[in-house]
């Protein structure tokens, strides 16, 4: 994958963490100029609330809360589908999954993919139960941070920008124009709901217990399109892109692209083993890419694009060995897919997660609906 401008608007998932930058964001939220070049910005079509992305959060729910508890109660590690409505203290609604055409929000409790306060609401719920709670900013999108603002020379900005316009930075981050003069455009990349308390009314509509879920990891080239391919498979409950099989702890995207860490771009798939088998995922893996090209998929060249299956159990190893042997028979022994135990997995930067479903390079979201067969545009 090449470094490109990108819009990271999330579709139908206002609580998901904010897709932001390619490089790791330190806890102290460094200045935008330290995150990635701000040499170019471009205007973004107004396609909805930027509030439909959430910031990355760390799991905040205690593992004592329902973990390993009642089979009918949502706990840490369980996959849930919820409908919700979010309102501000003045009573105004900022988002709702009940809007026409929207699907329930899906996530795994404890993974930090929704704001911490929302996880706390969902924990302990039973299917059909409804809860309404107010959460403070520190459990929502955080307080507003002045370090998430910057000035960009007018020469590097599109003509005609006005206050309130949404722009996309070269690093993929979205920001709102807050001021314009003859020399600079001032932008603010804080989440629009930063600093605000939020009230959520949540209904649990589906629950898959952690005991039914398994994890699989695959490398098949650029992880953007590979992830979307797995997202569409019924029985897949969540996906995460990242880097594995290297020798450097917690590498950044830039380090992996330089080819010095030994990592591969991978997709980690959590699936419901009651409805989807590991063998079916192996079929999807081989159908998605060319397993005969060494360190290359299409125009993407480098060892971070190699074909690989990284097993989590001995059962997965045996199934993968059988699948590779079958493919070698079909492809005259040309398969170069590596088979190794999973190691050194690091989740990729928030910006990369569900990239194509959120719009990709050209702000054209692609469907992640189960069973969707639309052609996948690799870069959006």
Protein backbone atom coordinates (compact mmCIF):
# COMPACT_ATOMS: atom_id res chain seq x y z
CA UNK A 1 0.00 0.00 0.00
CA UNK A 2 1.16 3.51 -0.73
CA UNK A 3 0.82 6.50 1.58
CA UNK A 4 -2.15 8.44 0.26
CA UNK A 5 -4.74 10.98 1.19
CA UNK A 6 -7.78 9.24 2.59
CA UNK A 7 -11.08 9.95 4.23
CA UNK A 8 -11.80 7.94 7.31
CA UNK A 9 -15.50 8.49 7.74
CA UNK A 10 -17.10 5.47 9.40
CA UNK A 11 -20.36 4.19 8.04
CA UNK A 12 -23.12 3.31 10.48
CA UNK A 13 -20.80 2.94 13.46
CA UNK A 14 -20.70 6.18 15.44
CA UNK A 15 -19.07 4.51 18.41
CA UNK A 16 -16.14 2.96 16.64
CA UNK A 17 -12.75 4.36 17.47
CA UNK A 18 -11.60 7.29 15.42
CA UNK A 19 -9.60 6.16 12.40
CA UNK A 20 -6.76 8.59 12.50
CA UNK A 21 -3.12 8.17 11.57
CA UNK A 22 -0.67 5.66 10.16
CA UNK A 23 1.90 6.12 12.92
CA UNK A 24 1.24 5.19 16.53
CA UNK A 25 -0.39 7.96 18.56
CA UNK A 26 1.30 8.35 21.90
CA UNK A 27 -0.92 8.68 24.97
CA UNK A 28 -0.05 12.37 25.32
CA UNK A 29 -1.60 13.06 21.87
CA UNK A 30 1.35 14.73 20.10
CA UNK A 31 0.86 17.59 17.70
CA UNK A 32 -0.50 16.79 14.27
CA UNK A 33 2.75 17.89 12.67
CA UNK A 34 4.50 15.14 14.58
CA UNK A 35 2.13 12.47 13.31
CA UNK A 36 2.45 12.78 9.54
CA UNK A 37 3.15 15.40 6.87
CA UNK A 38 0.56 18.14 6.55
CA UNK A 39 1.81 19.26 3.16
CA UNK A 40 -1.51 18.74 1.45
CA UNK A 41 -5.14 18.87 2.47
CA UNK A 42 -8.20 18.44 0.34
CA UNK A 43 -11.85 19.13 0.83
CA UNK A 44 -14.18 16.29 1.69
CA UNK A 45 -17.82 15.94 0.64
CA UNK A 46 -20.26 16.33 3.51
CA UNK A 47 -21.53 12.77 3.81
CA UNK A 48 -22.69 12.77 7.39
CA UNK A 49 -21.52 13.31 10.93
CA UNK A 50 -17.84 12.79 11.58
CA UNK A 51 -19.18 11.70 14.96
CA UNK A 52 -19.65 8.33 13.36
CA UNK A 53 -16.07 7.48 14.27
CA UNK A 54 -14.83 7.04 17.78
CA UNK A 55 -11.37 7.36 19.21
CA UNK A 56 -9.29 4.35 20.03
CA UNK A 57 -9.81 3.32 23.60
CA UNK A 58 -8.32 0.69 25.82
CA UNK A 59 -10.57 -1.95 27.37
CA UNK A 60 -12.09 -0.44 30.47
CA UNK A 61 -14.47 -3.14 31.61
CA UNK A 62 -13.27 -5.23 34.52
CA UNK A 63 -12.71 -8.87 33.63
CA UNK A 64 -14.64 -9.69 36.75
CA UNK A 65 -17.75 -8.23 35.14
CA UNK A 66 -19.58 -11.23 33.75
CA UNK A 67 -16.45 -12.91 32.38
CA UNK A 68 -17.16 -16.61 32.40
CA UNK A 69 -20.51 -15.88 34.01
CA UNK A 70 -24.13 -16.43 33.04
CA UNK A 71 -24.40 -17.79 29.51
CA UNK A 72 -27.26 -15.39 28.80
CA UNK A 73 -25.43 -12.26 29.98
CA UNK A 74 -22.94 -10.22 27.95
CA UNK A 75 -19.43 -10.20 29.38
CA UNK A 76 -15.82 -9.55 28.45
CA UNK A 77 -14.88 -11.40 25.26
CA UNK A 78 -18.48 -11.79 24.10
CA UNK A 79 -19.65 -10.51 20.72
CA UNK A 80 -22.76 -8.34 20.76
CA UNK A 81 -25.13 -6.60 18.36
CA UNK A 82 -26.85 -3.56 19.84
CA UNK A 83 -29.27 -0.89 18.73
CA UNK A 84 -28.74 2.48 20.36
CA UNK A 85 -29.68 6.14 20.34
CA UNK A 86 -27.25 8.83 21.51
CA UNK A 87 -28.28 12.23 22.87
CA UNK A 88 -26.54 15.27 24.36
CA UNK A 89 -27.41 16.97 27.61
CA UNK A 90 -29.64 19.45 25.77
CA UNK A 91 -31.74 16.54 24.52
CA UNK A 92 -30.58 16.74 20.92
CA UNK A 93 -29.90 13.43 19.18
CA UNK A 94 -26.46 13.07 17.58
CA UNK A 95 -26.91 9.58 16.18
CA UNK A 96 -29.05 6.45 16.20
CA UNK A 97 -28.76 2.97 14.75
CA UNK A 98 -32.54 3.07 14.35
CA UNK A 99 -32.21 5.47 11.40
CA UNK A 100 -33.44 4.06 8.11
CA UNK A 101 -30.97 1.72 6.45
CA UNK A 102 -28.80 1.31 9.53
CA UNK A 103 -27.74 -1.98 11.06
CA UNK A 104 -27.10 -2.70 14.74
CA UNK A 105 -23.63 -1.85 16.02
CA UNK A 106 -21.45 -4.96 16.44
CA UNK A 107 -18.40 -5.30 18.67
CA UNK A 108 -16.64 -7.58 21.13
CA UNK A 109 -16.72 -6.43 24.73
CA UNK A 110 -13.25 -5.70 26.08
CA UNK A 111 -11.52 -5.08 22.74
CA UNK A 112 -11.72 -1.30 23.03
CA UNK A 113 -13.45 -0.78 19.69
CA UNK A 114 -16.14 1.41 21.19
CA UNK A 115 -15.84 4.18 23.74
CA UNK A 116 -15.28 2.81 27.27
CA UNK A 117 -18.59 4.04 28.67
CA UNK A 118 -20.53 2.25 25.96
CA UNK A 119 -18.79 -1.04 26.80
CA UNK A 120 -19.75 -0.58 30.43
CA UNK A 121 -23.41 -0.12 29.48
CA UNK A 122 -23.46 -3.28 27.35
CA UNK A 123 -21.69 -5.42 29.95
CA UNK A 124 -24.14 -7.50 31.97
CA UNK A 125 -27.05 -7.07 29.55
CA UNK A 126 -29.29 -9.90 28.33
CA UNK A 127 -30.82 -10.17 24.86
CA UNK A 128 -33.87 -7.94 24.67
CA UNK A 129 -32.81 -5.79 27.63
CA UNK A 130 -32.75 -1.98 27.26
CA UNK A 131 -30.56 0.37 29.31
CA UNK A 132 -30.22 4.14 29.30
CA UNK A 133 -27.18 5.75 30.92
CA UNK A 134 -25.23 9.02 30.80
CA UNK A 135 -21.43 8.80 30.44
CA UNK A 136 -18.89 11.52 31.18
CA UNK A 137 -16.43 12.82 28.56
CA UNK A 138 -13.55 10.78 29.99
CA UNK A 139 -15.54 7.61 29.21
CA UNK A 140 -16.68 8.94 25.82
CA UNK A 141 -14.51 10.88 23.36
CA UNK A 142 -12.27 12.55 25.91
CA UNK A 143 -11.71 16.20 26.62
CA UNK A 144 -10.88 18.58 23.80
CA UNK A 145 -7.12 18.64 23.15
CA UNK A 146 -5.45 21.77 21.78
CA UNK A 147 -2.58 19.64 20.48
CA UNK A 148 -5.00 18.26 17.90
CA UNK A 149 -5.15 21.59 16.09
CA UNK A 150 -2.79 23.02 13.50
CA UNK A 151 -2.21 25.80 10.96
CA UNK A 152 -1.64 24.90 7.31
CA UNK A 153 -0.34 27.42 4.74
CA UNK A 154 -3.07 28.61 2.41
CA UNK A 155 -0.88 27.57 -0.52
CA UNK A 156 -1.26 23.95 0.52
CA UNK A 157 -5.04 24.06 0.83
CA UNK A 158 -7.81 23.89 -1.79
CA UNK A 159 -9.27 27.21 -2.86
CA UNK A 160 -12.57 28.29 -1.41
CA UNK A 161 -12.35 26.64 2.00
CA UNK A 162 -14.69 28.14 4.56
CA UNK A 163 -15.11 27.76 8.30
CA UNK A 164 -16.90 24.50 9.06
CA UNK A 165 -15.63 22.63 6.00
CA UNK A 166 -14.28 19.12 6.56
CA UNK A 167 -10.90 18.34 5.03
CA UNK A 168 -8.79 15.22 4.67
CA UNK A 169 -5.10 15.42 5.53
CA UNK A 170 -2.36 13.59 3.72
CA UNK A 171 -2.10 11.13 6.60
CA UNK A 172 -5.78 10.19 6.27
CA UNK A 173 -6.99 12.15 9.30
CA UNK A 174 -10.10 14.29 8.99
CA UNK A 175 -10.25 17.77 10.43
CA UNK A 176 -12.66 20.70 10.51
CA UNK A 177 -11.69 24.15 9.29
CA UNK A 178 -12.00 26.62 12.18
CA UNK A 179 -10.47 29.77 10.69
CA UNK A 180 -9.19 31.07 7.34
CA UNK A 181 -7.09 34.15 6.59
CA UNK A 182 -4.68 35.28 3.87
CA UNK A 183 -1.83 33.13 5.19
CA UNK A 184 -3.17 30.09 7.01
CA UNK A 185 -6.03 27.66 7.29
CA UNK A 186 -6.62 26.59 10.88
CA UNK A 187 -7.89 23.06 11.38
CA UNK A 188 -9.11 21.02 14.35
CA UNK A 189 -8.89 17.20 14.40
CA UNK A 190 -10.58 16.72 17.76
CA UNK A 191 -13.61 14.49 17.63
CA UNK A 192 -16.74 16.65 17.28
CA UNK A 193 -18.08 15.16 20.52
CA UNK A 194 -14.89 15.72 22.51
CA UNK A 195 -15.59 17.35 25.85
CA UNK A 196 -19.25 16.35 25.89
CA UNK A 197 -21.19 14.00 28.17
CA UNK A 198 -23.29 11.53 26.20
CA UNK A 199 -26.47 9.62 27.01
CA UNK A 200 -27.05 6.29 25.30
CA UNK A 201 -30.16 4.17 25.20
CA UNK A 202 -28.94 0.68 24.32
CA UNK A 203 -30.82 -2.51 23.41
CA UNK A 204 -28.97 -5.83 23.18
CA UNK A 205 -30.33 -7.67 20.13
CA UNK A 206 -27.80 -10.50 19.72
CA UNK A 207 -25.15 -12.20 21.84
CA UNK A 208 -22.41 -14.70 20.90
CA UNK A 209 -20.52 -16.00 23.92
CA UNK A 210 -16.73 -16.03 23.86
CA UNK A 211 -16.68 -19.80 24.27
CA UNK A 212 -18.02 -20.16 20.72
CA UNK A 213 -15.46 -17.81 19.18
CA UNK A 214 -12.08 -18.63 17.68
CA UNK A 215 -9.33 -16.50 16.14
CA UNK A 216 -7.53 -17.02 12.83
CA UNK A 217 -4.76 -14.96 11.21
CA UNK A 218 -3.91 -14.66 7.51
CA UNK A 219 -1.52 -12.68 5.30
CA UNK A 220 -2.59 -12.26 1.69
CA UNK A 221 -1.18 -8.95 0.48
CA UNK A 222 -2.48 -5.47 1.25
CA UNK A 223 -4.63 -5.98 4.32
CA UNK A 224 -7.31 -3.45 3.34
CA UNK A 225 -9.06 -5.61 0.75
CA UNK A 226 -8.31 -8.86 2.55
CA UNK A 227 -10.07 -7.55 5.64
CA UNK A 228 -13.17 -6.50 3.71
CA UNK A 229 -13.31 -9.94 2.09
CA UNK A 230 -13.39 -11.58 5.53
CA UNK A 231 -15.82 -9.01 6.94
CA UNK A 232 -18.40 -10.15 4.40
CA UNK A 233 -18.34 -13.82 5.42
CA UNK A 234 -21.30 -14.93 7.57
CA UNK A 235 -20.00 -16.18 10.89
CA UNK A 236 -17.13 -13.69 11.08
CA UNK A 237 -17.87 -11.54 14.10
CA UNK A 238 -14.95 -9.11 13.94
CA UNK A 239 -11.73 -8.37 12.09
CA UNK A 240 -8.57 -6.46 12.87
CA UNK A 241 -5.63 -5.67 10.61
CA UNK A 242 -2.09 -5.67 11.90
CA UNK A 243 1.48 -6.87 11.59
CA UNK A 244 2.90 -10.26 12.66
CA UNK A 245 5.81 -12.68 12.27
CA UNK A 246 8.46 -9.98 12.67
CA UNK A 247 11.27 -9.36 15.14
CA UNK A 248 10.48 -5.80 16.30
CA UNK A 249 7.93 -5.11 19.03
CA UNK A 250 5.03 -2.77 18.22
CA UNK A 251 6.20 -1.67 14.76
CA UNK A 252 4.64 1.28 12.97
CA UNK A 253 3.26 1.13 9.45
CA UNK A 254 6.26 3.05 8.19
CA UNK A 255 8.70 0.60 9.79
CA UNK A 256 6.90 -2.38 8.26
CA UNK A 257 6.84 -0.74 4.82
CA UNK A 258 10.60 -0.15 5.03
CA UNK A 259 11.00 -3.92 5.12
CA UNK A 260 13.32 -3.98 8.14
CA UNK A 261 11.07 -5.61 10.74
CA UNK A 262 10.23 -8.93 9.09
CA UNK A 263 6.52 -8.38 9.68
CA UNK A 264 3.71 -9.33 7.33
CA UNK A 265 0.50 -7.37 6.85
CA UNK A 266 -2.17 -9.65 8.28
CA UNK A 267 -5.86 -9.82 9.07
CA UNK A 268 -6.92 -11.33 12.37
CA UNK A 269 -10.39 -12.84 12.14
CA UNK A 270 -12.64 -13.65 15.08
CA UNK A 271 -15.37 -16.08 14.07
CA UNK A 272 -18.30 -18.00 15.53
CA UNK A 273 -17.25 -21.63 15.29
CA UNK A 274 -20.88 -22.69 15.66
CA UNK A 275 -21.69 -21.27 12.23
CA UNK A 276 -18.35 -21.02 10.40
CA UNK A 277 -15.45 -23.48 10.22
CA UNK A 278 -11.75 -22.75 10.02
CA UNK A 279 -11.64 -24.79 6.80
CA UNK A 280 -14.15 -22.39 5.23
CA UNK A 281 -11.91 -19.47 6.16
CA UNK A 282 -8.98 -21.25 4.53
CA UNK A 283 -11.02 -21.56 1.33
CA UNK A 284 -11.79 -17.83 1.44
CA UNK A 285 -8.11 -17.07 2.04
CA UNK A 286 -6.90 -18.99 -0.99
CA UNK A 287 -9.71 -17.65 -3.19
CA UNK A 288 -8.79 -14.06 -2.33
CA UNK A 289 -5.13 -13.98 -3.43
CA UNK A 290 -2.44 -15.61 -5.56
CA UNK A 291 -0.50 -18.01 -3.28
CA UNK A 292 2.18 -18.62 -5.94
CA UNK A 293 3.79 -15.17 -6.00
CA UNK A 294 6.60 -14.72 -3.48
CA UNK A 295 6.47 -11.46 -1.49
CA UNK A 296 4.04 -9.93 -3.93
CA UNK A 297 0.35 -9.45 -4.62
CA UNK A 298 -0.41 -7.49 -7.76
CA UNK A 299 1.41 -4.18 -7.70
CA UNK A 300 2.25 -4.49 -4.01
CA UNK A 301 5.81 -5.82 -3.67
CA UNK A 302 7.71 -6.56 -0.47
CA UNK A 303 7.94 -9.24 2.20
CA UNK A 304 5.12 -7.52 4.11
CA UNK A 305 2.80 -8.73 1.32
CA UNK A 306 3.73 -12.41 1.50
CA UNK A 307 1.20 -15.23 1.59
CA UNK A 308 0.94 -16.69 5.07
CA UNK A 309 -1.24 -18.70 7.43
CA UNK A 310 -0.45 -18.17 11.11
CA UNK A 311 -2.10 -20.77 13.28
CA UNK A 312 -3.31 -20.39 16.85
CA UNK A 313 -3.87 -24.08 17.64
CA UNK A 314 -2.52 -27.43 16.51
CA UNK A 315 -5.92 -28.13 14.97
CA UNK A 316 -5.56 -25.03 12.80
CA UNK A 317 -2.06 -26.12 11.82
CA UNK A 318 -3.29 -29.52 10.65
CA UNK A 319 -6.17 -27.99 8.69
CA UNK A 320 -3.82 -25.46 7.06
CA UNK A 321 -1.33 -28.18 6.09
CA UNK A 322 -4.12 -30.09 4.39
CA UNK A 323 -5.34 -26.97 2.59
CA UNK A 324 -1.84 -26.08 1.35
CA UNK A 325 -1.32 -29.63 0.11
CA UNK A 326 -4.62 -29.48 -1.75
CA UNK A 327 -3.66 -26.16 -3.37
CA UNK A 328 -0.24 -27.52 -4.35
CA UNK A 329 -1.94 -30.38 -6.17
CA UNK A 330 -4.10 -27.87 -8.01
CA UNK A 331 -1.22 -25.45 -8.76
CA UNK A 332 1.53 -27.95 -9.58
CA UNK A 333 3.47 -27.41 -6.39
CA UNK A 334 3.91 -23.65 -6.85
CA UNK A 335 2.34 -22.53 -3.57
CA UNK A 336 4.67 -20.31 -1.52
CA UNK A 337 2.30 -19.75 1.40
CA UNK A 338 4.23 -19.90 4.67
CA UNK A 339 2.76 -21.73 7.65
CA UNK A 340 3.90 -20.65 11.10
CA UNK A 341 2.52 -20.26 14.63
CA UNK A 342 1.27 -16.72 15.21
CA UNK A 343 3.89 -14.50 16.83
CA UNK A 344 4.66 -10.83 17.42
CA UNK A 345 1.18 -9.64 16.40
CA UNK A 346 0.64 -5.91 16.70
CA UNK A 347 -2.65 -4.31 15.77
CA UNK A 348 -2.20 -1.73 13.02
CA UNK A 349 -2.88 1.96 13.48
CA UNK A 350 -6.53 2.94 13.86
CA UNK A 351 -6.48 4.53 10.43
CA UNK A 352 -6.15 1.12 8.77
CA UNK A 353 -8.98 -0.66 10.57
CA UNK A 354 -11.98 -1.43 8.32
CA UNK A 355 -10.44 1.05 5.89
CA UNK A 356 -12.44 0.19 2.77
CA UNK A 357 -15.77 -0.11 4.59
CA UNK A 358 -15.21 3.41 5.90
CA UNK A 359 -14.52 4.92 2.49
CA UNK A 360 -10.95 4.16 1.55
CA UNK A 361 -8.84 6.55 -0.47
CA UNK A 362 -11.73 8.23 -2.30
CA UNK A 363 -14.41 8.37 0.42
CA UNK A 364 -16.48 5.70 -1.33
CA UNK A 365 -17.53 3.21 1.36
CA UNK A 366 -17.74 -0.41 0.26
CA UNK A 367 -20.28 -2.77 1.74
CA UNK A 368 -19.19 -5.12 4.50
CA UNK A 369 -22.63 -6.72 4.64
CA UNK A 370 -22.64 -10.45 5.19
CA UNK A 371 -22.86 -12.31 1.90
CA UNK A 372 -22.07 -9.24 -0.20
CA UNK A 373 -20.44 -10.18 -3.52
CA UNK A 374 -19.72 -6.70 -4.89
CA UNK A 375 -16.26 -6.43 -6.47
CA UNK A 376 -13.72 -5.06 -3.99
CA UNK A 377 -11.84 -1.92 -5.01
CA UNK A 378 -8.47 -2.46 -3.37
CA UNK A 379 -7.79 1.16 -2.48
CA UNK A 380 -11.34 2.47 -2.29
